[in-house]
């Protein structure tokens, strides 16, 4: 389990936090561009990344089209001893401002932590699928409906127990924690997006 002092993140979490693809994160680990440690999450073996690795990935997204891989690796290595707001290479001839990527990463971390706070998984509720705390509304259902085009207004009208914040964090949580295993036939599969109308909305039965 993560601690506040030494947080570790799965490649899927890292992809959400840095706006890279999961494939790009795993490639960086495979090529040893960033360090990773072995660990377990939810009973599954995985590779875990610390905050320095996340910062390296955040820079990877910005530098991939500008620096060759060897120079990017030098940047990542220099992060270990770099001052908080910049990293310098080539004797100071090359300086990279770290303030913007640090701010973006901090914002993404807060959003992911809040998403986790709003979600609970209980075997007695929806067969253990993650739901928003205090409801029986599956998080992945809301993320799916958003992907299909439902708006925040549509969803709040269709599911009165939802809040605007829940709607906003649903795609973040669903991307960071995809459902594992062979997917069950979900009651919302194949349904069109929720749309608001003047008549009473027919919500999707998620029992």
N, C-alpha and C. Protein backbone atom coordinates (compact mmCIF):
# COMPACT_ATOMS: atom_id res chain seq x y z
N UNK A 1 0.84 -1.20 0.00
CA UNK A 1 0.00 0.00 0.00
C UNK A 1 0.87 1.25 0.00
N UNK A 2 0.46 2.28 -0.72
CA UNK A 2 1.23 3.50 -0.79
C UNK A 2 1.22 4.21 0.55
N UNK A 3 2.31 4.88 0.85
CA UNK A 3 2.34 5.78 1.99
C UNK A 3 2.58 7.18 1.49
N UNK A 4 2.24 8.14 2.35
CA UNK A 4 2.42 9.53 1.93
C UNK A 4 3.90 9.83 1.72
N UNK A 5 4.79 9.17 2.55
CA UNK A 5 6.21 9.48 2.47
C UNK A 5 6.87 8.85 1.24
N UNK A 6 6.40 7.69 0.84
CA UNK A 6 7.06 6.97 -0.24
C UNK A 6 6.02 6.41 -1.21
N UNK A 7 5.33 7.26 -1.95
CA UNK A 7 4.28 6.77 -2.84
C UNK A 7 4.87 6.05 -4.04
N UNK A 8 4.22 4.99 -4.45
CA UNK A 8 4.60 4.24 -5.63
C UNK A 8 3.37 4.08 -6.52
N UNK A 9 3.60 4.03 -7.83
CA UNK A 9 2.50 4.06 -8.79
C UNK A 9 2.67 2.98 -9.84
N UNK A 10 1.56 2.38 -10.25
CA UNK A 10 1.59 1.40 -11.32
C UNK A 10 1.80 2.11 -12.66
N UNK A 11 2.22 1.38 -13.70
CA UNK A 11 2.33 2.00 -15.02
C UNK A 11 1.02 2.62 -15.50
N UNK A 12 -0.11 2.00 -15.16
CA UNK A 12 -1.39 2.57 -15.59
C UNK A 12 -1.66 3.88 -14.87
N UNK A 13 -1.41 3.93 -13.57
CA UNK A 13 -1.55 5.20 -12.84
C UNK A 13 -0.60 6.24 -13.41
N UNK A 14 0.65 5.84 -13.68
CA UNK A 14 1.64 6.77 -14.20
C UNK A 14 1.21 7.34 -15.55
N UNK A 15 0.60 6.50 -16.39
CA UNK A 15 0.14 6.98 -17.69
C UNK A 15 -0.91 8.07 -17.53
N UNK A 16 -1.84 7.87 -16.60
CA UNK A 16 -2.88 8.87 -16.37
C UNK A 16 -2.27 10.15 -15.81
N UNK A 17 -1.34 10.01 -14.91
CA UNK A 17 -0.75 11.19 -14.26
C UNK A 17 0.12 12.01 -15.20
N UNK A 18 0.74 11.37 -16.18
CA UNK A 18 1.69 12.07 -17.05
C UNK A 18 1.15 12.30 -18.46
N UNK A 19 -0.08 11.80 -18.73
CA UNK A 19 -0.70 11.94 -20.04
C UNK A 19 0.06 11.22 -21.15
N UNK A 20 0.76 10.16 -20.78
CA UNK A 20 1.39 9.29 -21.75
C UNK A 20 0.52 8.04 -21.92
N UNK A 21 0.78 7.25 -22.95
CA UNK A 21 0.09 5.98 -23.07
C UNK A 21 0.73 4.96 -22.14
N UNK A 22 -0.03 3.94 -21.78
CA UNK A 22 0.53 2.87 -20.94
C UNK A 22 1.69 2.21 -21.68
N UNK A 23 1.57 2.07 -22.98
CA UNK A 23 2.65 1.47 -23.77
C UNK A 23 3.92 2.31 -23.67
N UNK A 24 3.80 3.63 -23.72
CA UNK A 24 4.97 4.50 -23.63
C UNK A 24 5.63 4.38 -22.26
N UNK A 25 4.81 4.27 -21.21
CA UNK A 25 5.36 4.11 -19.86
C UNK A 25 6.11 2.79 -19.75
N UNK A 26 5.50 1.71 -20.23
CA UNK A 26 6.17 0.41 -20.16
C UNK A 26 7.43 0.36 -21.01
N UNK A 27 7.42 1.05 -22.15
CA UNK A 27 8.62 1.12 -22.98
C UNK A 27 9.75 1.82 -22.24
N UNK A 28 9.42 2.89 -21.51
CA UNK A 28 10.44 3.62 -20.76
C UNK A 28 11.03 2.74 -19.66
N UNK A 29 10.18 1.91 -19.05
CA UNK A 29 10.68 0.98 -18.03
C UNK A 29 11.56 -0.09 -18.66
N UNK A 30 11.08 -0.66 -19.79
CA UNK A 30 11.83 -1.73 -20.46
C UNK A 30 13.20 -1.25 -20.92
N UNK A 31 13.27 -0.01 -21.38
CA UNK A 31 14.54 0.53 -21.88
C UNK A 31 15.40 1.10 -20.75
N UNK A 32 14.88 0.98 -19.51
CA UNK A 32 15.59 1.48 -18.32
C UNK A 32 15.84 2.99 -18.38
N UNK A 33 14.96 3.67 -19.11
CA UNK A 33 15.02 5.14 -19.10
C UNK A 33 14.62 5.66 -17.73
N UNK A 34 13.70 4.96 -17.09
CA UNK A 34 13.27 5.32 -15.75
C UNK A 34 13.38 4.10 -14.85
N UNK A 35 13.63 4.29 -13.56
CA UNK A 35 13.74 3.14 -12.66
C UNK A 35 12.37 2.65 -12.21
N UNK A 36 12.29 1.35 -11.96
CA UNK A 36 11.06 0.74 -11.45
C UNK A 36 11.44 -0.36 -10.47
N UNK A 37 10.53 -0.64 -9.55
CA UNK A 37 10.73 -1.73 -8.60
C UNK A 37 9.59 -2.72 -8.74
N UNK A 38 9.85 -3.96 -8.36
CA UNK A 38 8.79 -4.98 -8.41
C UNK A 38 7.90 -4.85 -7.19
N UNK A 39 6.62 -5.10 -7.38
CA UNK A 39 5.68 -5.02 -6.28
C UNK A 39 4.39 -5.72 -6.64
N UNK A 40 3.39 -5.57 -5.80
CA UNK A 40 2.08 -6.17 -6.03
C UNK A 40 1.00 -5.14 -5.76
N UNK A 41 -0.03 -5.18 -6.57
CA UNK A 41 -1.22 -4.37 -6.37
C UNK A 41 -2.44 -5.24 -6.62
N UNK A 42 -3.37 -5.19 -5.68
CA UNK A 42 -4.61 -5.97 -5.79
C UNK A 42 -4.33 -7.43 -6.08
N UNK A 43 -3.25 -7.94 -5.48
CA UNK A 43 -2.92 -9.34 -5.64
C UNK A 43 -2.18 -9.69 -6.91
N UNK A 44 -1.83 -8.69 -7.72
CA UNK A 44 -1.15 -8.94 -8.98
C UNK A 44 0.26 -8.35 -8.95
N UNK A 45 1.22 -9.10 -9.50
CA UNK A 45 2.58 -8.60 -9.61
C UNK A 45 2.62 -7.47 -10.63
N UNK A 46 3.38 -6.43 -10.35
CA UNK A 46 3.49 -5.32 -11.27
C UNK A 46 4.79 -4.58 -11.01
N UNK A 47 5.09 -3.64 -11.86
CA UNK A 47 6.24 -2.76 -11.66
C UNK A 47 5.73 -1.44 -11.13
N UNK A 48 6.47 -0.86 -10.20
CA UNK A 48 6.03 0.36 -9.54
C UNK A 48 7.04 1.48 -9.72
N UNK A 49 6.52 2.69 -9.81
CA UNK A 49 7.34 3.88 -10.09
C UNK A 49 7.21 4.88 -8.96
N UNK A 50 8.32 5.55 -8.63
CA UNK A 50 8.27 6.57 -7.59
C UNK A 50 8.05 7.95 -8.22
N UNK A 51 8.05 8.97 -7.37
CA UNK A 51 7.76 10.33 -7.86
C UNK A 51 8.83 10.83 -8.83
N UNK A 52 10.08 10.44 -8.60
CA UNK A 52 11.14 10.87 -9.53
C UNK A 52 10.90 10.27 -10.90
N UNK A 53 10.48 9.00 -10.94
CA UNK A 53 10.17 8.38 -12.23
C UNK A 53 9.00 9.08 -12.91
N UNK A 54 7.99 9.48 -12.11
CA UNK A 54 6.86 10.22 -12.69
C UNK A 54 7.33 11.53 -13.30
N UNK A 55 8.23 12.22 -12.60
CA UNK A 55 8.74 13.49 -13.12
C UNK A 55 9.51 13.24 -14.42
N UNK A 56 10.27 12.17 -14.48
CA UNK A 56 10.98 11.82 -15.70
C UNK A 56 10.01 11.59 -16.85
N UNK A 57 8.90 10.90 -16.56
CA UNK A 57 7.89 10.65 -17.59
C UNK A 57 7.21 11.94 -18.03
N UNK A 58 6.97 12.84 -17.08
CA UNK A 58 6.36 14.12 -17.43
C UNK A 58 7.28 14.90 -18.38
N UNK A 59 8.58 14.80 -18.14
CA UNK A 59 9.53 15.46 -19.04
C UNK A 59 9.63 14.72 -20.36
N UNK A 60 9.52 13.39 -20.32
CA UNK A 60 9.58 12.59 -21.55
C UNK A 60 8.54 13.08 -22.55
N UNK A 61 7.34 13.36 -22.05
CA UNK A 61 6.27 13.83 -22.94
C UNK A 61 6.64 15.15 -23.59
N UNK A 62 7.36 15.99 -22.88
CA UNK A 62 7.72 17.31 -23.41
C UNK A 62 8.98 17.28 -24.27
N UNK A 63 9.90 16.34 -24.01
CA UNK A 63 11.20 16.37 -24.66
C UNK A 63 11.33 15.40 -25.82
N UNK A 64 10.36 14.49 -25.98
CA UNK A 64 10.51 13.41 -26.96
C UNK A 64 10.79 13.93 -28.36
N UNK A 65 10.18 15.04 -28.73
CA UNK A 65 10.35 15.57 -30.09
C UNK A 65 11.51 16.56 -30.19
N UNK A 66 12.21 16.80 -29.07
CA UNK A 66 13.25 17.82 -29.08
C UNK A 66 14.65 17.26 -28.82
N UNK A 67 14.73 16.25 -27.95
CA UNK A 67 16.03 15.72 -27.56
C UNK A 67 16.15 14.27 -28.00
N UNK A 68 17.36 13.87 -28.36
CA UNK A 68 17.61 12.46 -28.68
C UNK A 68 17.52 11.65 -27.39
N UNK A 69 17.27 10.34 -27.49
CA UNK A 69 17.11 9.53 -26.27
C UNK A 69 18.27 9.62 -25.30
N UNK A 70 19.52 9.69 -25.81
CA UNK A 70 20.67 9.74 -24.92
C UNK A 70 20.65 11.00 -24.06
N UNK A 71 20.28 12.12 -24.67
CA UNK A 71 20.24 13.37 -23.92
C UNK A 71 19.07 13.38 -22.95
N UNK A 72 17.93 12.77 -23.34
CA UNK A 72 16.80 12.68 -22.41
C UNK A 72 17.19 11.86 -21.18
N UNK A 73 17.97 10.80 -21.41
CA UNK A 73 18.39 9.97 -20.29
C UNK A 73 19.29 10.76 -19.35
N UNK A 74 20.14 11.63 -19.89
CA UNK A 74 20.98 12.48 -19.05
C UNK A 74 20.12 13.42 -18.22
N UNK A 75 19.07 13.96 -18.83
CA UNK A 75 18.15 14.84 -18.09
C UNK A 75 17.53 14.09 -16.93
N UNK A 76 17.06 12.87 -17.18
CA UNK A 76 16.40 12.10 -16.13
C UNK A 76 17.38 11.75 -15.01
N UNK A 77 18.62 11.40 -15.38
CA UNK A 77 19.62 11.09 -14.36
C UNK A 77 19.93 12.31 -13.50
N UNK A 78 19.92 13.49 -14.14
CA UNK A 78 20.25 14.72 -13.41
C UNK A 78 19.15 15.13 -12.43
N UNK A 79 17.95 14.60 -12.59
CA UNK A 79 16.86 14.96 -11.68
C UNK A 79 17.17 14.60 -10.23
N UNK A 80 17.98 13.57 -10.03
CA UNK A 80 18.28 13.11 -8.66
C UNK A 80 18.96 14.18 -7.84
N UNK A 81 19.76 15.03 -8.49
CA UNK A 81 20.51 16.05 -7.76
C UNK A 81 20.12 17.47 -8.17
N UNK A 82 19.09 17.58 -9.00
CA UNK A 82 18.72 18.90 -9.51
C UNK A 82 18.01 19.73 -8.44
N UNK A 83 18.22 21.07 -8.46
CA UNK A 83 17.41 21.93 -7.60
C UNK A 83 15.94 21.77 -7.97
N UNK A 84 15.07 22.26 -7.13
CA UNK A 84 13.65 22.02 -7.32
C UNK A 84 13.11 22.56 -8.64
N UNK A 85 13.62 23.70 -9.10
CA UNK A 85 12.98 24.36 -10.22
C UNK A 85 13.71 24.25 -11.56
N UNK A 86 14.89 23.60 -11.59
CA UNK A 86 15.57 23.50 -12.87
C UNK A 86 16.57 22.35 -12.85
N UNK A 87 16.93 21.91 -14.06
CA UNK A 87 17.98 20.91 -14.22
C UNK A 87 18.93 21.44 -15.29
N UNK A 88 20.23 21.33 -15.04
CA UNK A 88 21.24 21.87 -15.95
C UNK A 88 22.13 20.76 -16.48
N UNK A 89 22.50 20.87 -17.76
CA UNK A 89 23.40 19.92 -18.41
C UNK A 89 24.47 20.69 -19.16
N UNK A 90 25.44 19.94 -19.65
CA UNK A 90 26.51 20.54 -20.45
C UNK A 90 27.16 21.71 -19.74
N UNK A 91 27.45 21.51 -18.46
CA UNK A 91 28.13 22.57 -17.71
C UNK A 91 27.31 23.83 -17.54
N UNK A 92 26.00 23.71 -17.60
CA UNK A 92 25.14 24.87 -17.43
C UNK A 92 24.69 25.52 -18.71
N UNK A 93 25.17 25.01 -19.86
CA UNK A 93 24.76 25.59 -21.14
C UNK A 93 23.32 25.22 -21.51
N UNK A 94 22.83 24.14 -20.93
CA UNK A 94 21.46 23.71 -21.19
C UNK A 94 20.72 23.63 -19.87
N UNK A 95 19.66 24.43 -19.73
CA UNK A 95 18.87 24.46 -18.51
C UNK A 95 17.41 24.22 -18.86
N UNK A 96 16.79 23.33 -18.11
CA UNK A 96 15.38 22.99 -18.32
C UNK A 96 14.59 23.43 -17.10
N UNK A 97 13.56 24.24 -17.34
CA UNK A 97 12.70 24.73 -16.27
C UNK A 97 11.73 23.62 -15.85
N UNK A 98 11.75 23.28 -14.58
CA UNK A 98 10.92 22.18 -14.07
C UNK A 98 9.61 22.65 -13.46
N UNK A 99 9.40 23.95 -13.38
CA UNK A 99 8.24 24.43 -12.63
C UNK A 99 6.91 24.01 -13.25
N UNK A 100 6.77 24.15 -14.56
CA UNK A 100 5.50 23.78 -15.19
C UNK A 100 5.21 22.29 -15.09
N UNK A 101 6.17 21.39 -15.44
CA UNK A 101 5.86 19.96 -15.28
C UNK A 101 5.60 19.57 -13.84
N UNK A 102 6.26 20.20 -12.87
CA UNK A 102 5.99 19.89 -11.46
C UNK A 102 4.57 20.32 -11.09
N UNK A 103 4.15 21.48 -11.56
CA UNK A 103 2.78 21.95 -11.26
C UNK A 103 1.76 21.01 -11.88
N UNK A 104 1.99 20.63 -13.14
CA UNK A 104 1.04 19.75 -13.82
C UNK A 104 0.96 18.40 -13.11
N UNK A 105 2.10 17.88 -12.68
CA UNK A 105 2.11 16.59 -12.00
C UNK A 105 1.41 16.68 -10.65
N UNK A 106 1.65 17.76 -9.92
CA UNK A 106 0.99 17.95 -8.63
C UNK A 106 -0.52 18.04 -8.78
N UNK A 107 -0.98 18.73 -9.82
CA UNK A 107 -2.42 18.84 -10.08
C UNK A 107 -3.01 17.47 -10.40
N UNK A 108 -2.31 16.69 -11.23
CA UNK A 108 -2.79 15.36 -11.60
C UNK A 108 -2.82 14.43 -10.38
N UNK A 109 -1.83 14.54 -9.51
CA UNK A 109 -1.80 13.72 -8.30
C UNK A 109 -2.97 14.04 -7.38
N UNK A 110 -3.29 15.33 -7.24
CA UNK A 110 -4.43 15.71 -6.40
C UNK A 110 -5.72 15.16 -6.98
N UNK A 111 -5.87 15.22 -8.30
CA UNK A 111 -7.10 14.72 -8.93
C UNK A 111 -7.24 13.21 -8.74
N UNK A 112 -6.14 12.48 -8.87
CA UNK A 112 -6.21 11.03 -8.70
C UNK A 112 -6.51 10.66 -7.25
N UNK A 113 -5.89 11.36 -6.31
CA UNK A 113 -6.17 11.09 -4.89
C UNK A 113 -7.63 11.38 -4.57
N UNK A 114 -8.16 12.45 -5.12
CA UNK A 114 -9.56 12.78 -4.86
C UNK A 114 -10.48 11.72 -5.48
N UNK A 115 -10.13 11.25 -6.67
CA UNK A 115 -10.93 10.21 -7.30
C UNK A 115 -10.96 8.96 -6.42
N UNK A 116 -9.84 8.59 -5.86
CA UNK A 116 -9.80 7.42 -4.98
C UNK A 116 -10.63 7.65 -3.72
N UNK A 117 -10.61 8.88 -3.21
CA UNK A 117 -11.39 9.18 -2.01
C UNK A 117 -12.89 9.03 -2.25
N UNK A 118 -13.32 9.29 -3.48
CA UNK A 118 -14.76 9.29 -3.80
C UNK A 118 -15.29 7.92 -4.21
N UNK A 119 -14.40 6.93 -4.28
CA UNK A 119 -14.78 5.62 -4.81
C UNK A 119 -14.56 4.55 -3.75
N UNK A 120 -15.45 3.55 -3.73
CA UNK A 120 -15.32 2.42 -2.81
C UNK A 120 -15.64 1.14 -3.56
N UNK A 121 -15.00 0.06 -3.17
CA UNK A 121 -15.30 -1.25 -3.75
C UNK A 121 -15.67 -2.19 -2.61
N UNK A 122 -16.90 -2.71 -2.65
CA UNK A 122 -17.43 -3.56 -1.59
C UNK A 122 -18.06 -4.79 -2.25
N UNK A 123 -17.65 -6.00 -1.84
CA UNK A 123 -18.24 -7.21 -2.46
C UNK A 123 -19.75 -7.28 -2.35
N UNK A 124 -20.33 -6.57 -1.37
CA UNK A 124 -21.78 -6.60 -1.19
C UNK A 124 -22.51 -5.54 -2.02
N UNK A 125 -21.74 -4.71 -2.73
CA UNK A 125 -22.34 -3.66 -3.56
C UNK A 125 -21.89 -3.86 -5.00
N UNK A 126 -22.84 -4.10 -5.87
CA UNK A 126 -22.56 -4.27 -7.31
C UNK A 126 -21.47 -5.30 -7.55
N UNK A 127 -21.50 -6.37 -6.74
CA UNK A 127 -20.54 -7.49 -6.89
C UNK A 127 -19.09 -7.03 -6.84
N UNK A 128 -18.84 -5.95 -6.10
CA UNK A 128 -17.47 -5.48 -5.90
C UNK A 128 -16.98 -4.49 -6.92
N UNK A 129 -17.75 -4.19 -7.97
CA UNK A 129 -17.32 -3.17 -8.92
C UNK A 129 -17.21 -1.82 -8.21
N UNK A 130 -16.20 -1.01 -8.54
CA UNK A 130 -16.05 0.29 -7.89
C UNK A 130 -17.28 1.17 -8.11
N UNK A 131 -17.80 1.73 -7.03
CA UNK A 131 -18.94 2.65 -7.10
C UNK A 131 -18.59 3.92 -6.36
N UNK A 132 -19.32 4.97 -6.65
CA UNK A 132 -19.11 6.20 -5.90
C UNK A 132 -19.60 6.02 -4.47
N UNK A 133 -18.81 6.51 -3.54
CA UNK A 133 -19.11 6.34 -2.12
C UNK A 133 -20.51 6.87 -1.79
N UNK A 134 -21.28 6.06 -1.07
CA UNK A 134 -22.63 6.44 -0.70
C UNK A 134 -23.68 6.20 -1.76
N UNK A 135 -23.28 5.57 -2.88
CA UNK A 135 -24.22 5.27 -3.97
C UNK A 135 -24.00 3.84 -4.44
N UNK A 136 -24.84 3.42 -5.39
CA UNK A 136 -24.64 2.16 -6.09
C UNK A 136 -24.32 2.41 -7.57
N UNK A 137 -23.76 3.56 -7.85
CA UNK A 137 -23.50 3.96 -9.23
C UNK A 137 -22.07 3.57 -9.61
N UNK A 138 -21.89 2.65 -10.56
CA UNK A 138 -20.55 2.22 -10.95
C UNK A 138 -19.76 3.36 -11.61
N UNK A 139 -18.52 3.50 -11.18
CA UNK A 139 -17.66 4.55 -11.73
C UNK A 139 -17.42 4.32 -13.22
N UNK A 140 -17.18 3.06 -13.60
CA UNK A 140 -16.90 2.78 -15.01
C UNK A 140 -18.12 3.00 -15.90
N UNK A 141 -19.31 2.88 -15.33
CA UNK A 141 -20.52 3.21 -16.08
C UNK A 141 -20.52 4.68 -16.46
N UNK A 142 -20.24 5.54 -15.49
CA UNK A 142 -20.25 6.98 -15.76
C UNK A 142 -19.16 7.34 -16.75
N UNK A 143 -17.98 6.73 -16.59
CA UNK A 143 -16.89 7.01 -17.54
C UNK A 143 -17.27 6.57 -18.94
N UNK A 144 -17.93 5.42 -19.05
CA UNK A 144 -18.37 4.93 -20.36
C UNK A 144 -19.38 5.88 -21.00
N UNK A 145 -20.34 6.33 -20.20
CA UNK A 145 -21.35 7.24 -20.74
C UNK A 145 -20.74 8.57 -21.18
N UNK A 146 -19.76 9.04 -20.43
CA UNK A 146 -19.07 10.27 -20.84
C UNK A 146 -18.38 10.04 -22.18
N UNK A 147 -17.73 8.87 -22.31
CA UNK A 147 -17.06 8.55 -23.57
C UNK A 147 -18.02 8.45 -24.74
N UNK A 148 -19.27 8.10 -24.44
CA UNK A 148 -20.28 8.00 -25.49
C UNK A 148 -20.95 9.33 -25.81
N UNK A 149 -20.62 10.36 -25.02
CA UNK A 149 -21.15 11.68 -25.34
C UNK A 149 -22.07 12.30 -24.32
N UNK A 150 -22.36 11.61 -23.22
CA UNK A 150 -23.23 12.20 -22.19
C UNK A 150 -22.53 13.40 -21.55
N UNK A 151 -23.28 14.45 -21.30
CA UNK A 151 -22.72 15.64 -20.67
C UNK A 151 -22.90 15.56 -19.15
N UNK A 152 -22.23 16.44 -18.45
CA UNK A 152 -22.37 16.50 -17.00
C UNK A 152 -23.82 16.77 -16.61
N UNK A 153 -24.48 17.68 -17.32
CA UNK A 153 -25.88 17.99 -17.02
C UNK A 153 -26.76 16.76 -17.22
N UNK A 154 -26.54 16.03 -18.31
CA UNK A 154 -27.31 14.81 -18.57
C UNK A 154 -27.18 13.84 -17.41
N UNK A 155 -25.95 13.62 -16.97
CA UNK A 155 -25.69 12.61 -15.94
C UNK A 155 -26.23 13.03 -14.58
N UNK A 156 -26.12 14.30 -14.25
CA UNK A 156 -26.64 14.77 -12.96
C UNK A 156 -28.16 14.66 -12.92
N UNK A 157 -28.81 14.87 -14.05
CA UNK A 157 -30.26 14.73 -14.09
C UNK A 157 -30.67 13.26 -14.03
N UNK A 158 -29.90 12.39 -14.68
CA UNK A 158 -30.25 10.98 -14.73
C UNK A 158 -29.92 10.27 -13.42
N UNK A 159 -28.89 10.72 -12.72
CA UNK A 159 -28.44 10.09 -11.48
C UNK A 159 -28.35 11.16 -10.39
N UNK A 160 -29.45 11.44 -9.71
CA UNK A 160 -29.48 12.55 -8.74
C UNK A 160 -28.46 12.43 -7.62
N UNK A 161 -27.97 11.22 -7.32
CA UNK A 161 -27.00 11.07 -6.23
C UNK A 161 -25.57 11.39 -6.68
N UNK A 162 -25.38 11.56 -7.95
CA UNK A 162 -24.08 12.00 -8.44
C UNK A 162 -23.86 13.47 -8.11
N UNK A 163 -22.58 13.84 -7.99
CA UNK A 163 -22.21 15.25 -7.89
C UNK A 163 -21.36 15.61 -9.11
N UNK A 164 -21.21 16.89 -9.34
CA UNK A 164 -20.39 17.34 -10.46
C UNK A 164 -18.96 16.82 -10.32
N UNK A 165 -18.47 16.79 -9.10
CA UNK A 165 -17.10 16.31 -8.88
C UNK A 165 -16.98 14.83 -9.23
N UNK A 166 -17.98 14.05 -8.89
CA UNK A 166 -17.97 12.62 -9.24
C UNK A 166 -17.89 12.43 -10.75
N UNK A 167 -18.68 13.20 -11.46
CA UNK A 167 -18.68 13.11 -12.92
C UNK A 167 -17.29 13.46 -13.47
N UNK A 168 -16.66 14.47 -12.89
CA UNK A 168 -15.36 14.93 -13.38
C UNK A 168 -14.26 13.91 -13.14
N UNK A 169 -14.32 13.19 -12.01
CA UNK A 169 -13.24 12.26 -11.70
C UNK A 169 -13.47 10.87 -12.28
N UNK A 170 -14.67 10.57 -12.75
CA UNK A 170 -14.96 9.23 -13.26
C UNK A 170 -13.98 8.79 -14.36
N UNK A 171 -13.72 9.60 -15.39
CA UNK A 171 -12.77 9.15 -16.42
C UNK A 171 -11.36 8.96 -15.87
N UNK A 172 -10.97 9.77 -14.89
CA UNK A 172 -9.63 9.64 -14.30
C UNK A 172 -9.51 8.30 -13.58
N UNK A 173 -10.50 8.00 -12.74
CA UNK A 173 -10.46 6.74 -11.99
C UNK A 173 -10.53 5.55 -12.94
N UNK A 174 -11.43 5.58 -13.90
CA UNK A 174 -11.60 4.45 -14.81
C UNK A 174 -10.34 4.19 -15.63
N UNK A 175 -9.63 5.25 -16.02
CA UNK A 175 -8.39 5.08 -16.79
C UNK A 175 -7.27 4.54 -15.91
N UNK A 176 -7.19 5.02 -14.66
CA UNK A 176 -6.12 4.59 -13.76
C UNK A 176 -6.35 3.19 -13.22
N UNK A 177 -7.63 2.79 -13.11
CA UNK A 177 -7.97 1.49 -12.54
C UNK A 177 -8.98 0.77 -13.42
N UNK A 178 -8.55 0.32 -14.60
CA UNK A 178 -9.48 -0.38 -15.50
C UNK A 178 -9.94 -1.69 -14.86
N UNK A 179 -11.14 -2.13 -15.22
CA UNK A 179 -11.66 -3.39 -14.71
C UNK A 179 -10.78 -4.53 -15.22
N UNK A 180 -10.45 -5.45 -14.34
CA UNK A 180 -9.56 -6.54 -14.69
C UNK A 180 -10.35 -7.77 -15.16
N UNK A 181 -9.65 -8.62 -15.90
CA UNK A 181 -10.23 -9.88 -16.30
C UNK A 181 -11.18 -9.73 -17.47
N UNK A 182 -11.80 -10.83 -17.85
CA UNK A 182 -12.75 -10.82 -18.95
C UNK A 182 -13.99 -10.05 -18.53
N UNK A 183 -14.33 -8.99 -19.24
CA UNK A 183 -15.45 -8.15 -18.80
C UNK A 183 -16.78 -8.91 -18.82
N UNK A 184 -17.57 -8.69 -17.77
CA UNK A 184 -18.92 -9.23 -17.74
C UNK A 184 -19.81 -8.43 -18.71
N UNK A 185 -20.92 -9.04 -19.08
CA UNK A 185 -21.89 -8.31 -19.89
C UNK A 185 -22.55 -7.28 -18.97
N UNK A 186 -22.20 -6.01 -19.13
CA UNK A 186 -22.69 -4.96 -18.26
C UNK A 186 -24.06 -4.48 -18.74
N UNK A 187 -24.90 -4.05 -17.81
CA UNK A 187 -26.25 -3.64 -18.21
C UNK A 187 -26.28 -2.42 -19.11
N UNK A 188 -25.19 -1.66 -19.14
CA UNK A 188 -25.18 -0.46 -19.98
C UNK A 188 -24.53 -0.72 -21.35
N UNK A 189 -24.06 -1.96 -21.58
CA UNK A 189 -23.36 -2.24 -22.83
C UNK A 189 -24.29 -2.02 -24.02
N UNK A 190 -23.81 -1.25 -24.99
CA UNK A 190 -24.57 -1.03 -26.20
C UNK A 190 -25.64 0.04 -26.08
N UNK A 191 -25.78 0.62 -24.88
CA UNK A 191 -26.81 1.66 -24.73
C UNK A 191 -26.29 2.99 -25.27
N UNK A 192 -27.18 3.85 -25.74
CA UNK A 192 -26.77 5.17 -26.21
C UNK A 192 -26.45 6.07 -25.03
N UNK A 193 -25.81 7.21 -25.26
CA UNK A 193 -25.53 8.15 -24.18
C UNK A 193 -26.81 8.61 -23.50
N UNK A 194 -26.66 8.97 -22.22
CA UNK A 194 -27.79 9.56 -21.51
C UNK A 194 -28.01 10.95 -22.05
N UNK A 195 -29.24 11.26 -22.39
CA UNK A 195 -29.58 12.60 -22.89
C UNK A 195 -30.72 13.15 -22.06
N UNK A 196 -30.63 14.42 -21.74
CA UNK A 196 -31.72 15.05 -20.98
C UNK A 196 -32.87 15.36 -21.92
N UNK A 197 -34.10 15.17 -21.44
CA UNK A 197 -35.30 15.52 -22.19
C UNK A 197 -36.27 16.19 -21.25
N UNK A 198 -37.36 16.68 -21.78
CA UNK A 198 -38.36 17.30 -20.92
C UNK A 198 -39.17 16.26 -20.16
N UNK A 199 -39.20 15.03 -20.71
CA UNK A 199 -39.89 13.97 -20.01
C UNK A 199 -38.96 13.32 -19.00
N UNK A 200 -39.50 12.50 -18.15
CA UNK A 200 -38.71 11.83 -17.13
C UNK A 200 -37.67 10.94 -17.82
N UNK A 201 -36.42 11.05 -17.37
CA UNK A 201 -35.35 10.28 -17.96
C UNK A 201 -35.45 8.83 -17.55
N UNK A 202 -35.20 7.91 -18.47
CA UNK A 202 -35.11 6.49 -18.16
C UNK A 202 -33.67 6.16 -17.90
N UNK A 203 -33.29 6.03 -16.64
CA UNK A 203 -31.90 5.73 -16.32
C UNK A 203 -31.59 4.29 -16.59
N UNK A 204 -30.32 4.00 -16.74
CA UNK A 204 -29.88 2.65 -17.03
C UNK A 204 -29.92 1.84 -15.74
N UNK A 205 -30.53 0.68 -15.79
CA UNK A 205 -30.61 -0.20 -14.61
C UNK A 205 -29.28 -0.88 -14.42
N UNK A 206 -28.58 -0.50 -13.35
CA UNK A 206 -27.24 -1.06 -13.10
C UNK A 206 -27.26 -2.08 -11.99
N UNK A 207 -28.43 -2.64 -11.68
CA UNK A 207 -28.48 -3.66 -10.63
C UNK A 207 -27.90 -4.97 -11.14
